[in-house]
Amino acid sequence: MTVQECKEGLFMRRITTISTTLIVFLGLLVACGNNDEGATNFFEENRNEWPELTVIEDQIGSDFEEVNVENDKGNSRVLLYENDGNAEYKSIYILDEERLKIISIGENGEGQIYNEVIR
């Protein structure tokens, strides 16, 4: 094997290593960087099954990093709407009454901001 062949082989291994590293990095970046649509997707995916989501979106929007289901058992459904890891709003939907309550619970929360039957 000549010196030239050794240099070419080393060069090709470095190119392969760099290419593999870039592919892995870009894959992680795409997987982790698309979090802004989390709550919007939650609203879109559940709107047809949960009638309160349309009213909630009208009242407080859907621009949240996360929507967490705190309770979906029995006669009520409780959801928390979060940004930067902090809950900003809580909604309570009482199923048999079809009553929706929305509470502002953030740092400067206003308390209850909505309490109506949504039939």
PDB file of N, CA and C in Angstrom:
ATOM      1  N   MET A   1       0.848  -1.167   0.000  1.00  0.00           N
ATOM      2  CA  MET A   1       0.000   0.000   0.000  1.00  0.00           C
ATOM      3  C   MET A   1       0.895   1.232   0.000  1.00  0.00           C
ATOM      4  N   THR A   2       0.593   2.164  -0.868  1.00  0.00           N
ATOM      5  CA  THR A   2       1.414   3.360  -0.970  1.00  0.00           C
ATOM      6  C   THR A   2       0.957   4.404   0.055  1.00  0.00           C
ATOM      7  N   VAL A   3       1.796   5.409   0.234  1.00  0.00           N
ATOM      8  CA  VAL A   3       1.472   6.504   1.146  1.00  0.00           C
ATOM      9  C   VAL A   3       0.218   7.223   0.669  1.00  0.00           C
ATOM     10  N   GLN A   4       0.093   7.387  -0.639  1.00  0.00           N
ATOM     11  CA  GLN A   4      -1.071   8.073  -1.216  1.00  0.00           C
ATOM     12  C   GLN A   4      -2.350   7.302  -0.892  1.00  0.00           C
ATOM     13  N   GLU A   5      -2.319   5.977  -1.017  1.00  0.00           N
ATOM     14  CA  GLU A   5      -3.490   5.151  -0.726  1.00  0.00           C
ATOM     15  C   GLU A   5      -3.851   5.236   0.753  1.00  0.00           C
ATOM     16  N   CYS A   6      -2.879   5.290   1.642  1.00  0.00           N
ATOM     17  CA  CYS A   6      -3.134   5.434   3.081  1.00  0.00           C
ATOM     18  C   CYS A   6      -3.806   6.767   3.375  1.00  0.00           C
ATOM     19  N   LYS A   7      -3.310   7.837   2.747  1.00  0.00           N
ATOM     20  CA  LYS A   7      -3.891   9.162   2.955  1.00  0.00           C
ATOM     21  C   LYS A   7      -5.335   9.208   2.462  1.00  0.00           C
ATOM     22  N   GLU A   8      -5.595   8.593   1.301  1.00  0.00           N
ATOM     23  CA  GLU A   8      -6.957   8.588   0.755  1.00  0.00           C
ATOM     24  C   GLU A   8      -7.899   7.787   1.658  1.00  0.00           C
ATOM     25  N   GLY A   9      -7.435   6.680   2.182  1.00  0.00           N
ATOM     26  CA  GLY A   9      -8.258   5.867   3.091  1.00  0.00           C
ATOM     27  C   GLY A   9      -8.581   6.609   4.373  1.00  0.00           C
ATOM     28  N   LEU A  10      -7.585   7.283   4.943  1.00  0.00           N
ATOM     29  CA  LEU A  10      -7.789   8.074   6.159  1.00  0.00           C
ATOM     30  C   LEU A  10      -8.764   9.216   5.896  1.00  0.00           C
ATOM     31  N   PHE A  11      -8.623   9.862   4.747  1.00  0.00           N
ATOM     32  CA  PHE A  11      -9.513  10.965   4.378  1.00  0.00           C
ATOM     33  C   PHE A  11     -10.965  10.473   4.263  1.00  0.00           C
ATOM     34  N   MET A  12     -11.171   9.326   3.624  1.00  0.00           N
ATOM     35  CA  MET A  12     -12.519   8.782   3.453  1.00  0.00           C
ATOM     36  C   MET A  12     -13.143   8.397   4.805  1.00  0.00           C
ATOM     37  N   ARG A  13     -12.351   7.858   5.732  1.00  0.00           N
ATOM     38  CA  ARG A  13     -12.870   7.528   7.058  1.00  0.00           C
ATOM     39  C   ARG A  13     -13.293   8.773   7.807  1.00  0.00           C
ATOM     40  N   ARG A  14     -12.512   9.848   7.675  1.00  0.00           N
ATOM     41  CA  ARG A  14     -12.865  11.100   8.346  1.00  0.00           C
ATOM     42  C   ARG A  14     -14.148  11.680   7.761  1.00  0.00           C
ATOM     43  N   ILE A  15     -14.278  11.636   6.442  1.00  0.00           N
ATOM     44  CA  ILE A  15     -15.494  12.132   5.785  1.00  0.00           C
ATOM     45  C   ILE A  15     -16.701  11.320   6.263  1.00  0.00           C
ATOM     46  N   THR A  16     -16.566  10.012   6.350  1.00  0.00           N
ATOM     47  CA  THR A  16     -17.658   9.152   6.804  1.00  0.00           C
ATOM     48  C   THR A  16     -18.035   9.471   8.250  1.00  0.00           C
ATOM     49  N   THR A  17     -17.053   9.660   9.102  1.00  0.00           N
ATOM     50  CA  THR A  17     -17.307   9.993  10.510  1.00  0.00           C
ATOM     51  C   THR A  17     -18.015  11.334  10.631  1.00  0.00           C
ATOM     52  N   ILE A  18     -17.555  12.321   9.914  1.00  0.00           N
ATOM     53  CA  ILE A  18     -18.170  13.658   9.959  1.00  0.00           C
ATOM     54  C   ILE A  18     -19.602  13.584   9.434  1.00  0.00           C
ATOM     55  N   SER A  19     -19.818  12.883   8.330  1.00  0.00           N
ATOM     56  CA  SER A  19     -21.161  12.759   7.748  1.00  0.00           C
ATOM     57  C   SER A  19     -22.124  12.082   8.719  1.00  0.00           C
ATOM     58  N   THR A  20     -21.673  11.014   9.352  1.00  0.00           N
ATOM     59  CA  THR A  20     -22.516  10.305  10.313  1.00  0.00           C
ATOM     60  C   THR A  20     -22.863  11.195  11.503  1.00  0.00           C
ATOM     61  N   THR A  21     -21.881  11.928  11.992  1.00  0.00           N
ATOM     62  CA  THR A  21     -22.113  12.838  13.115  1.00  0.00           C
ATOM     63  C   THR A  21     -23.128  13.909  12.741  1.00  0.00           C
ATOM     64  N   LEU A  22     -23.012  14.479  11.555  1.00  0.00           N
ATOM     65  CA  LEU A  22     -23.958  15.503  11.103  1.00  0.00           C
ATOM     66  C   LEU A  22     -25.372  14.946  10.969  1.00  0.00           C
ATOM     67  N   ILE A  23     -25.507  13.756  10.444  1.00  0.00           N
ATOM     68  CA  ILE A  23     -26.829  13.141  10.287  1.00  0.00           C
ATOM     69  C   ILE A  23     -27.477  12.912  11.644  1.00  0.00           C
ATOM     70  N   VAL A  24     -26.727  12.392  12.600  1.00  0.00           N
ATOM     71  CA  VAL A  24     -27.263  12.169  13.945  1.00  0.00           C
ATOM     72  C   VAL A  24     -27.642  13.495  14.593  1.00  0.00           C
ATOM     73  N   PHE A  25     -26.793  14.500  14.486  1.00  0.00           N
ATOM     74  CA  PHE A  25     -27.064  15.810  15.064  1.00  0.00           C
ATOM     75  C   PHE A  25     -28.323  16.431  14.476  1.00  0.00           C
ATOM     76  N   LEU A  26     -28.456  16.395  13.160  1.00  0.00           N
ATOM     77  CA  LEU A  26     -29.632  16.974  12.511  1.00  0.00           C
ATOM     78  C   LEU A  26     -30.905  16.219  12.895  1.00  0.00           C
ATOM     79  N   GLY A  27     -30.817  14.910  13.026  1.00  0.00           N
ATOM     80  CA  GLY A  27     -31.975  14.127  13.464  1.00  0.00           C
ATOM     81  C   GLY A  27     -32.426  14.527  14.859  1.00  0.00           C
ATOM     82  N   LEU A  28     -31.474  14.701  15.775  1.00  0.00           N
ATOM     83  CA  LEU A  28     -31.814  15.132  17.130  1.00  0.00           C
ATOM     84  C   LEU A  28     -32.376  16.542  17.141  1.00  0.00           C
ATOM     85  N   LEU A  29     -31.825  17.404  16.343  1.00  0.00           N
ATOM     86  CA  LEU A  29     -32.283  18.780  16.272  1.00  0.00           C
ATOM     87  C   LEU A  29     -33.731  18.851  15.785  1.00  0.00           C
ATOM     88  N   VAL A  30     -34.056  18.090  14.772  1.00  0.00           N
ATOM     89  CA  VAL A  30     -35.421  18.066  14.256  1.00  0.00           C
ATOM     90  C   VAL A  30     -36.370  17.479  15.285  1.00  0.00           C
ATOM     91  N   ALA A  31     -35.978  16.410  15.946  1.00  0.00           N
ATOM     92  CA  ALA A  31     -36.847  15.763  16.930  1.00  0.00           C
ATOM     93  C   ALA A  31     -37.102  16.642  18.142  1.00  0.00           C
ATOM     94  N   CYS A  32     -36.118  17.372  18.587  1.00  0.00           N
ATOM     95  CA  CYS A  32     -36.258  18.187  19.793  1.00  0.00           C
ATOM     96  C   CYS A  32     -36.737  19.603  19.513  1.00  0.00           C
ATOM     97  N   GLY A  33     -36.529  20.104  18.340  1.00  0.00           N
ATOM     98  CA  GLY A  33     -36.807  21.504  18.060  1.00  0.00           C
ATOM     99  C   GLY A  33     -38.211  21.800  17.608  1.00  0.00           C
ATOM    100  N   ASN A  34     -39.082  20.812  17.517  1.00  0.00           N
ATOM    101  CA  ASN A  34     -40.418  21.041  16.980  1.00  0.00           C
ATOM    102  C   ASN A  34     -41.460  20.995  18.084  1.00  0.00           C
ATOM    103  N   ASN A  35     -41.179  21.595  19.226  1.00  0.00           N
ATOM    104  CA  ASN A  35     -42.057  21.532  20.389  1.00  0.00           C
ATOM    105  C   ASN A  35     -43.118  22.620  20.408  1.00  0.00           C
ATOM    106  N   ASP A  36     -43.025  23.632  19.560  1.00  0.00           N
ATOM    107  CA  ASP A  36     -43.963  24.742  19.583  1.00  0.00           C
ATOM    108  C   ASP A  36     -45.371  24.340  19.212  1.00  0.00           C
ATOM    109  N   GLU A  37     -45.541  23.227  18.540  1.00  0.00           N
ATOM    110  CA  GLU A  37     -46.854  22.819  18.095  1.00  0.00           C
ATOM    111  C   GLU A  37     -47.530  21.857  19.055  1.00  0.00           C
ATOM    112  N   GLY A  38     -46.943  21.612  20.223  1.00  0.00           N
ATOM    113  CA  GLY A  38     -47.489  20.636  21.156  1.00  0.00           C
ATOM    114  C   GLY A  38     -48.927  20.892  21.539  1.00  0.00           C
ATOM    115  N   ALA A  39     -49.237  22.058  22.045  1.00  0.00           N
ATOM    116  CA  ALA A  39     -50.591  22.359  22.486  1.00  0.00           C
ATOM    117  C   ALA A  39     -51.527  22.515  21.305  1.00  0.00           C
ATOM    118  N   THR A  40     -51.046  23.109  20.222  1.00  0.00           N
ATOM    119  CA  THR A  40     -51.891  23.264  19.046  1.00  0.00           C
ATOM    120  C   THR A  40     -52.327  21.900  18.547  1.00  0.00           C
ATOM    121  N   ASN A  41     -51.407  20.952  18.502  1.00  0.00           N
ATOM    122  CA  ASN A  41     -51.764  19.591  18.103  1.00  0.00           C
ATOM    123  C   ASN A  41     -52.736  18.974  19.091  1.00  0.00           C
ATOM    124  N   PHE A  42     -52.571  19.244  20.372  1.00  0.00           N
ATOM    125  CA  PHE A  42     -53.490  18.726  21.375  1.00  0.00           C
ATOM    126  C   PHE A  42     -54.909  19.200  21.072  1.00  0.00           C
ATOM    127  N   PHE A  43     -55.058  20.484  20.788  1.00  0.00           N
ATOM    128  CA  PHE A  43     -56.378  21.035  20.474  1.00  0.00           C
ATOM    129  C   PHE A  43     -56.941  20.391  19.206  1.00  0.00           C
ATOM    130  N   GLU A  44     -56.129  20.282  18.178  1.00  0.00           N
ATOM    131  CA  GLU A  44     -56.581  19.702  16.913  1.00  0.00           C
ATOM    132  C   GLU A  44     -56.972  18.238  17.078  1.00  0.00           C
ATOM    133  N   GLU A  45     -56.182  17.474  17.829  1.00  0.00           N
ATOM    134  CA  GLU A  45     -56.428  16.045  17.983  1.00  0.00           C
ATOM    135  C   GLU A  45     -57.660  15.743  18.838  1.00  0.00           C
ATOM    136  N   ASN A  46     -58.006  16.611  19.777  1.00  0.00           N
ATOM    137  CA  ASN A  46     -59.079  16.316  20.722  1.00  0.00           C
ATOM    138  C   ASN A  46     -60.339  17.158  20.537  1.00  0.00           C
ATOM    139  N   ARG A  47     -60.327  18.125  19.657  1.00  0.00           N
ATOM    140  CA  ARG A  47     -61.447  19.062  19.498  1.00  0.00           C
ATOM    141  C   ARG A  47     -62.777  18.353  19.234  1.00  0.00           C
ATOM    142  N   ASN A  48     -62.790  17.322  18.410  1.00  0.00           N
ATOM    143  CA  ASN A  48     -64.046  16.644  18.067  1.00  0.00           C
ATOM    144  C   ASN A  48     -64.612  15.832  19.225  1.00  0.00           C
ATOM    145  N   GLU A  49     -63.762  15.363  20.123  1.00  0.00           N
ATOM    146  CA  GLU A  49     -64.213  14.543  21.237  1.00  0.00           C
ATOM    147  C   GLU A  49     -64.495  15.353  22.501  1.00  0.00           C
ATOM    148  N   TRP A  50     -63.841  16.481  22.661  1.00  0.00           N
ATOM    149  CA  TRP A  50     -63.975  17.292  23.871  1.00  0.00           C
ATOM    150  C   TRP A  50     -64.561  18.648  23.483  1.00  0.00           C
ATOM    151  N   PRO A  51     -65.862  18.837  23.661  1.00  0.00           N
ATOM    152  CA  PRO A  51     -66.528  20.053  23.194  1.00  0.00           C
ATOM    153  C   PRO A  51     -66.028  21.336  23.853  1.00  0.00           C
ATOM    154  N   GLU A  52     -65.440  21.245  25.019  1.00  0.00           N
ATOM    155  CA  GLU A  52     -64.978  22.447  25.718  1.00  0.00           C
ATOM    156  C   GLU A  52     -63.766  23.090  25.068  1.00  0.00           C
ATOM    157  N   LEU A  53     -63.017  22.355  24.237  1.00  0.00           N
ATOM    158  CA  LEU A  53     -61.781  22.889  23.673  1.00  0.00           C
ATOM    159  C   LEU A  53     -62.011  24.084  22.755  1.00  0.00           C
ATOM    160  N   THR A  54     -63.105  24.105  22.039  1.00  0.00           N
ATOM    161  CA  THR A  54     -63.394  25.249  21.166  1.00  0.00           C
ATOM    162  C   THR A  54     -63.586  26.509  21.994  1.00  0.00           C
ATOM    163  N   VAL A  55     -64.332  26.407  23.092  1.00  0.00           N
ATOM    164  CA  VAL A  55     -64.558  27.558  23.969  1.00  0.00           C
ATOM    165  C   VAL A  55     -63.252  27.977  24.639  1.00  0.00           C
ATOM    166  N   ILE A  56     -62.480  27.003  25.104  1.00  0.00           N
ATOM    167  CA  ILE A  56     -61.204  27.304  25.757  1.00  0.00           C
ATOM    168  C   ILE A  56     -60.283  28.044  24.790  1.00  0.00           C
ATOM    169  N   GLU A  57     -60.213  27.574  23.571  1.00  0.00           N
ATOM    170  CA  GLU A  57     -59.356  28.219  22.578  1.00  0.00           C
ATOM    171  C   GLU A  57     -59.829  29.655  22.313  1.00  0.00           C
ATOM    172  N   ASP A  58     -61.142  29.864  22.279  1.00  0.00           N
ATOM    173  CA  ASP A  58     -61.674  31.221  22.095  1.00  0.00           C
ATOM    174  C   ASP A  58     -61.333  32.124  23.278  1.00  0.00           C
ATOM    175  N   GLN A  59     -61.341  31.574  24.484  1.00  0.00           N
ATOM    176  CA  GLN A  59     -61.136  32.376  25.696  1.00  0.00           C
ATOM    177  C   GLN A  59     -59.660  32.662  25.989  1.00  0.00           C
ATOM    178  N   ILE A  60     -58.811  31.644  25.864  1.00  0.00           N
ATOM    179  CA  ILE A  60     -57.397  31.819  26.264  1.00  0.00           C
ATOM    180  C   ILE A  60     -56.407  31.464  25.159  1.00  0.00           C
ATOM    181  N   GLY A  61     -56.903  31.034  24.010  1.00  0.00           N
ATOM    182  CA  GLY A  61     -56.026  30.672  22.903  1.00  0.00           C
ATOM    183  C   GLY A  61     -55.484  29.258  23.033  1.00  0.00           C
ATOM    184  N   SER A  62     -54.567  28.916  22.147  1.00  0.00           N
ATOM    185  CA  SER A  62     -53.955  27.585  22.174  1.00  0.00           C
ATOM    186  C   SER A  62     -52.434  27.678  22.119  1.00  0.00           C
ATOM    187  N   ASP A  63     -51.905  28.850  22.419  1.00  0.00           N
ATOM    188  CA  ASP A  63     -50.470  29.097  22.328  1.00  0.00           C
ATOM    189  C   ASP A  63     -49.772  28.699  23.628  1.00  0.00           C
ATOM    190  N   PHE A  64     -49.755  27.398  23.885  1.00  0.00           N
ATOM    191  CA  PHE A  64     -49.123  26.858  25.094  1.00  0.00           C
ATOM    192  C   PHE A  64     -48.123  25.794  24.676  1.00  0.00           C
ATOM    193  N   GLU A  65     -47.058  25.682  25.453  1.00  0.00           N
ATOM    194  CA  GLU A  65     -46.065  24.646  25.166  1.00  0.00           C
ATOM    195  C   GLU A  65     -46.610  23.254  25.479  1.00  0.00           C
ATOM    196  N   GLU A  66     -47.416  23.169  26.536  1.00  0.00           N
ATOM    197  CA  GLU A  66     -47.963  21.877  26.941  1.00  0.00           C
ATOM    198  C   GLU A  66     -49.377  22.023  27.450  1.00  0.00           C
ATOM    199  N   VAL A  67     -50.166  20.990  27.192  1.00  0.00           N
ATOM    200  CA  VAL A  67     -51.476  20.856  27.811  1.00  0.00           C
ATOM    201  C   VAL A  67     -51.463  19.492  28.482  1.00  0.00           C
ATOM    202  N   ASN A  68     -51.657  19.476  29.794  1.00  0.00           N
ATOM    203  CA  ASN A  68     -51.624  18.230  30.550  1.00  0.00           C
ATOM    204  C   ASN A  68     -53.009  17.899  31.086  1.00  0.00           C
ATOM    205  N   VAL A  69     -53.395  16.651  30.916  1.00  0.00           N
ATOM    206  CA  VAL A  69     -54.667  16.178  31.455  1.00  0.00           C
ATOM    207  C   VAL A  69     -54.424  15.785  32.905  1.00  0.00           C
ATOM    208  N   GLU A  70     -54.971  16.568  33.807  1.00  0.00           N
ATOM    209  CA  GLU A  70     -54.822  16.299  35.237  1.00  0.00           C
ATOM    210  C   GLU A  70     -55.833  15.261  35.695  1.00  0.00           C
ATOM    211  N   ASN A  71     -57.033  15.288  35.106  1.00  0.00           N
ATOM    212  CA  ASN A  71     -58.082  14.326  35.454  1.00  0.00           C
ATOM    213  C   ASN A  71     -59.027  14.177  34.270  1.00  0.00           C
ATOM    214  N   ASP A  72     -59.362  12.935  33.942  1.00  0.00           N
ATOM    215  CA  ASP A  72     -60.368  12.659  32.914  1.00  0.00           C
ATOM    216  C   ASP A  72     -61.172  11.438  33.337  1.00  0.00           C
ATOM    217  N   LYS A  73     -61.583  11.426  34.586  1.00  0.00           N
ATOM    218  CA  LYS A  73     -62.343  10.314  35.139  1.00  0.00           C
ATOM    219  C   LYS A  73     -63.576  10.857  35.829  1.00  0.00           C
ATOM    220  N   GLY A  74     -64.580  10.020  35.923  1.00  0.00           N
ATOM    221  CA  GLY A  74     -65.777  10.437  36.631  1.00  0.00           C
ATOM    222  C   GLY A  74     -66.542  11.484  35.851  1.00  0.00           C
ATOM    223  N   ASN A  75     -66.970  12.507  36.543  1.00  0.00           N
ATOM    224  CA  ASN A  75     -67.848  13.518  35.965  1.00  0.00           C
ATOM    225  C   ASN A  75     -67.126  14.796  35.562  1.00  0.00           C
ATOM    226  N   SER A  76     -65.795  14.804  35.586  1.00  0.00           N
ATOM    227  CA  SER A  76     -65.095  16.046  35.244  1.00  0.00           C
ATOM    228  C   SER A  76     -63.816  15.761  34.463  1.00  0.00           C
ATOM    229  N   ARG A  77     -63.386  16.792  33.759  1.00  0.00           N
ATOM    230  CA  ARG A  77     -62.123  16.735  33.038  1.00  0.00           C
ATOM    231  C   ARG A  77     -61.361  18.002  33.403  1.00  0.00           C
ATOM    232  N   VAL A  78     -60.139  17.838  33.889  1.00  0.00           N
ATOM    233  CA  VAL A  78     -59.328  18.966  34.323  1.00  0.00           C
ATOM    234  C   VAL A  78     -58.051  18.993  33.483  1.00  0.00           C
ATOM    235  N   LEU A  79     -57.795  20.155  32.873  1.00  0.00           N
ATOM    236  CA  LEU A  79     -56.614  20.325  32.026  1.00  0.00           C
ATOM    237  C   LEU A  79     -55.778  21.486  32.545  1.00  0.00           C
ATOM    238  N   LEU A  80     -54.455  21.338  32.456  1.00  0.00           N
ATOM    239  CA  LEU A  80     -53.517  22.413  32.803  1.00  0.00           C
ATOM    240  C   LEU A  80     -52.812  22.872  31.542  1.00  0.00           C
ATOM    241  N   TYR A  81     -52.695  24.186  31.386  1.00  0.00           N
ATOM    242  CA  TYR A  81     -52.074  24.801  30.213  1.00  0.00           C
ATOM    243  C   TYR A  81     -50.784  25.471  30.671  1.00  0.00           C
ATOM    244  N   GLU A  82     -49.645  25.007  30.129  1.00  0.00           N
ATOM    245  CA  GLU A  82     -48.339  25.429  30.642  1.00  0.00           C
ATOM    246  C   GLU A  82     -47.459  26.078  29.588  1.00  0.00           C
ATOM    247  N   ASN A  83     -46.650  27.026  30.061  1.00  0.00           N
ATOM    248  CA  ASN A  83     -45.556  27.614  29.299  1.00  0.00           C
ATOM    249  C   ASN A  83     -44.337  27.686  30.215  1.00  0.00           C
ATOM    250  N   ASP A  84     -43.177  27.384  29.676  1.00  0.00           N
ATOM    251  CA  ASP A  84     -41.921  27.410  30.438  1.00  0.00           C
ATOM    252  C   ASP A  84     -42.005  26.579  31.716  1.00  0.00           C
ATOM    253  N   GLY A  85     -42.756  25.488  31.687  1.00  0.00           N
ATOM    254  CA  GLY A  85     -42.876  24.608  32.839  1.00  0.00           C
ATOM    255  C   GLY A  85     -43.801  25.112  33.930  1.00  0.00           C
ATOM    256  N   ASN A  86     -44.465  26.240  33.711  1.00  0.00           N
ATOM    257  CA  ASN A  86     -45.369  26.816  34.713  1.00  0.00           C
ATOM    258  C   ASN A  86     -46.807  26.788  34.210  1.00  0.00           C
ATOM    259  N   ALA A  87     -47.706  26.296  35.063  1.00  0.00           N
ATOM    260  CA  ALA A  87     -49.119  26.280  34.711  1.00  0.00           C
ATOM    261  C   ALA A  87     -49.650  27.706  34.701  1.00  0.00           C
ATOM    262  N   GLU A  88     -50.321  28.081  33.613  1.00  0.00           N
ATOM    263  CA  GLU A  88     -50.895  29.421  33.495  1.00  0.00           C
ATOM    264  C   GLU A  88     -52.409  29.410  33.658  1.00  0.00           C
ATOM    265  N   TYR A  89     -53.043  28.347  33.166  1.00  0.00           N
ATOM    266  CA  TYR A  89     -54.498  28.232  33.255  1.00  0.00           C
ATOM    267  C   TYR A  89     -54.873  26.810  33.621  1.00  0.00           C
ATOM    268  N   LYS A  90     -56.063  26.692  34.181  1.00  0.00           N
ATOM    269  CA  LYS A  90     -56.653  25.395  34.472  1.00  0.00           C
ATOM    270  C   LYS A  90     -58.085  25.454  33.974  1.00  0.00           C
ATOM    271  N   SER A  91     -58.519  24.405  33.281  1.00  0.00           N
ATOM    272  CA  SER A  91     -59.922  24.328  32.883  1.00  0.00           C
ATOM    273  C   SER A  91     -60.544  23.114  33.563  1.00  0.00           C
ATOM    274  N   ILE A  92     -61.790  23.305  33.972  1.00  0.00           N
ATOM    275  CA  ILE A  92     -62.555  22.233  34.608  1.00  0.00           C
ATOM    276  C   ILE A  92     -63.864  22.118  33.839  1.00  0.00           C
ATOM    277  N   TYR A  93     -64.083  20.953  33.233  1.00  0.00           N
ATOM    278  CA  TYR A  93     -65.312  20.719  32.486  1.00  0.00           C
ATOM    279  C   TYR A  93     -66.123  19.684  33.246  1.00  0.00           C
ATOM    280  N   ILE A  94     -67.320  20.077  33.671  1.00  0.00           N
ATOM    281  CA  ILE A  94     -68.214  19.177  34.408  1.00  0.00           C
ATOM    282  C   ILE A  94     -69.157  18.562  33.381  1.00  0.00           C
ATOM    283  N   LEU A  95     -68.979  17.278  33.152  1.00  0.00           N
ATOM    284  CA  LEU A  95     -69.606  16.608  32.028  1.00  0.00           C
ATOM    285  C   LEU A  95     -71.134  16.618  32.071  1.00  0.00           C
ATOM    286  N   ASP A  96     -71.744  16.200  33.176  1.00  0.00           N
ATOM    287  CA  ASP A  96     -73.208  16.087  33.170  1.00  0.00           C
ATOM    288  C   ASP A  96     -73.913  17.445  33.140  1.00  0.00           C
ATOM    289  N   GLU A  97     -73.262  18.492  33.586  1.00  0.00           N
ATOM    290  CA  GLU A  97     -73.833  19.845  33.529  1.00  0.00           C
ATOM    291  C   GLU A  97     -73.413  20.590  32.262  1.00  0.00           C
ATOM    292  N   GLU A  98     -72.392  20.075  31.577  1.00  0.00           N
ATOM    293  CA  GLU A  98     -71.766  20.741  30.436  1.00  0.00           C
ATOM    294  C   GLU A  98     -71.300  22.145  30.822  1.00  0.00           C
ATOM    295  N   ARG A  99     -70.789  22.254  32.027  1.00  0.00           N
ATOM    296  CA  ARG A  99     -70.298  23.533  32.554  1.00  0.00           C
ATOM    297  C   ARG A  99     -68.782  23.572  32.441  1.00  0.00           C
ATOM    298  N   LEU A 100     -68.289  24.700  31.956  1.00  0.00           N
ATOM    299  CA  LEU A 100     -66.850  24.901  31.804  1.00  0.00           C
ATOM    300  C   LEU A 100     -66.412  26.054  32.690  1.00  0.00           C
ATOM    301  N   LYS A 101     -65.349  25.801  33.441  1.00  0.00           N
ATOM    302  CA  LYS A 101     -64.716  26.850  34.244  1.00  0.00           C
ATOM    303  C   LYS A 101     -63.273  26.971  33.777  1.00  0.00           C
ATOM    304  N   ILE A 102     -62.831  28.206  33.605  1.00  0.00           N
ATOM    305  CA  ILE A 102     -61.436  28.462  33.252  1.00  0.00           C
ATOM    306  C   ILE A 102     -60.870  29.369  34.329  1.00  0.00           C
ATOM    307  N   ILE A 103     -59.723  28.962  34.867  1.00  0.00           N
ATOM    308  CA  ILE A 103     -59.104  29.692  35.979  1.00  0.00           C
ATOM    309  C   ILE A 103     -57.692  30.096  35.586  1.00  0.00           C
ATOM    310  N   SER A 104     -57.385  31.373  35.746  1.00  0.00           N
ATOM    311  CA  SER A 104     -56.037  31.877  35.517  1.00  0.00           C
ATOM    312  C   SER A 104     -55.238  31.641  36.795  1.00  0.00           C
ATOM    313  N   ILE A 105     -54.235  30.747  36.723  1.00  0.00           N
ATOM    314  CA  ILE A 105     -53.498  30.358  37.929  1.00  0.00           C
ATOM    315  C   ILE A 105     -52.021  30.722  37.856  1.00  0.00           C
ATOM    316  N   GLY A 106     -51.628  31.462  36.837  1.00  0.00           N
ATOM    317  CA  GLY A 106     -50.230  31.846  36.676  1.00  0.00           C
ATOM    318  C   GLY A 106     -49.769  32.759  37.799  1.00  0.00           C
ATOM    319  N   GLU A 107     -48.542  33.212  37.689  1.00  0.00           N
ATOM    320  CA  GLU A 107     -47.930  34.067  38.716  1.00  0.00           C
ATOM    321  C   GLU A 107     -48.795  35.292  39.028  1.00  0.00           C
ATOM    322  N   ASN A 108     -49.354  35.889  38.008  1.00  0.00           N
ATOM    323  CA  ASN A 108     -50.244  37.039  38.190  1.00  0.00           C
ATOM    324  C   ASN A 108     -51.678  36.648  37.868  1.00  0.00           C
ATOM    325  N   GLY A 109     -52.052  35.442  38.261  1.00  0.00           N
ATOM    326  CA  GLY A 109     -53.359  34.898  37.917  1.00  0.00           C
ATOM    327  C   GLY A 109     -54.519  35.746  38.414  1.00  0.00           C
ATOM    328  N   GLU A 110     -55.554  35.808  37.585  1.00  0.00           N
ATOM    329  CA  GLU A 110     -56.737  36.587  37.894  1.00  0.00           C
ATOM    330  C   GLU A 110     -57.805  35.756  38.606  1.00  0.00           C
ATOM    331  N   GLY A 111     -57.572  34.474  38.767  1.00  0.00           N
ATOM    332  CA  GLY A 111     -58.602  33.600  39.327  1.00  0.00           C
ATOM    333  C   GLY A 111     -59.547  33.152  38.222  1.00  0.00           C
ATOM    334  N   GLN A 112     -60.772  32.878  38.594  1.00  0.00           N
ATOM    335  CA  GLN A 112     -61.748  32.380  37.636  1.00  0.00           C
ATOM    336  C   GLN A 112     -62.082  33.447  36.590  1.00  0.00           C
ATOM    337  N   ILE A 113     -61.951  33.079  35.314  1.00  0.00           N
ATOM    338  CA  ILE A 113     -62.230  34.039  34.248  1.00  0.00           C
ATOM    339  C   ILE A 113     -63.397  33.593  33.372  1.00  0.00           C
ATOM    340  N   TYR A 114     -63.871  32.374  33.570  1.00  0.00           N
ATOM    341  CA  TYR A 114     -64.987  31.872  32.772  1.00  0.00           C
ATOM    342  C   TYR A 114     -65.715  30.826  33.579  1.00  0.00           C
ATOM    343  N   ASN A 115     -67.066  30.859  33.562  1.00  0.00           N
ATOM    344  CA  ASN A 115     -67.878  29.874  34.267  1.00  0.00           C
ATOM    345  C   ASN A 115     -69.259  29.872  33.638  1.00  0.00           C
ATOM    346  N   GLU A 116     -69.433  29.012  32.633  1.00  0.00           N
ATOM    347  CA  GLU A 116     -70.703  28.986  31.913  1.00  0.00           C
ATOM    348  C   GLU A 116     -71.022  27.576  31.428  1.00  0.00           C
ATOM    349  N   VAL A 117     -72.322  27.343  31.195  1.00  0.00           N
ATOM    350  CA  VAL A 117     -72.778  26.114  30.543  1.00  0.00           C
ATOM    351  C   VAL A 117     -72.567  26.332  29.043  1.00  0.00           C
ATOM    352  N   ILE A 118     -72.010  25.329  28.354  1.00  0.00           N
ATOM    353  CA  ILE A 118     -71.617  25.520  26.952  1.00  0.00           C
ATOM    354  C   ILE A 118     -72.434  24.664  25.981  1.00  0.00           C
ATOM    355  N   ARG A 119     -73.635  24.327  26.304  1.00  0.00           N
ATOM    356  CA  ARG A 119     -74.470  23.465  25.435  1.00  0.00           C
ATOM    357  C   ARG A 119     -74.571  23.972  24.047  1.00  0.00           C
TER     358      ARG A 119
END
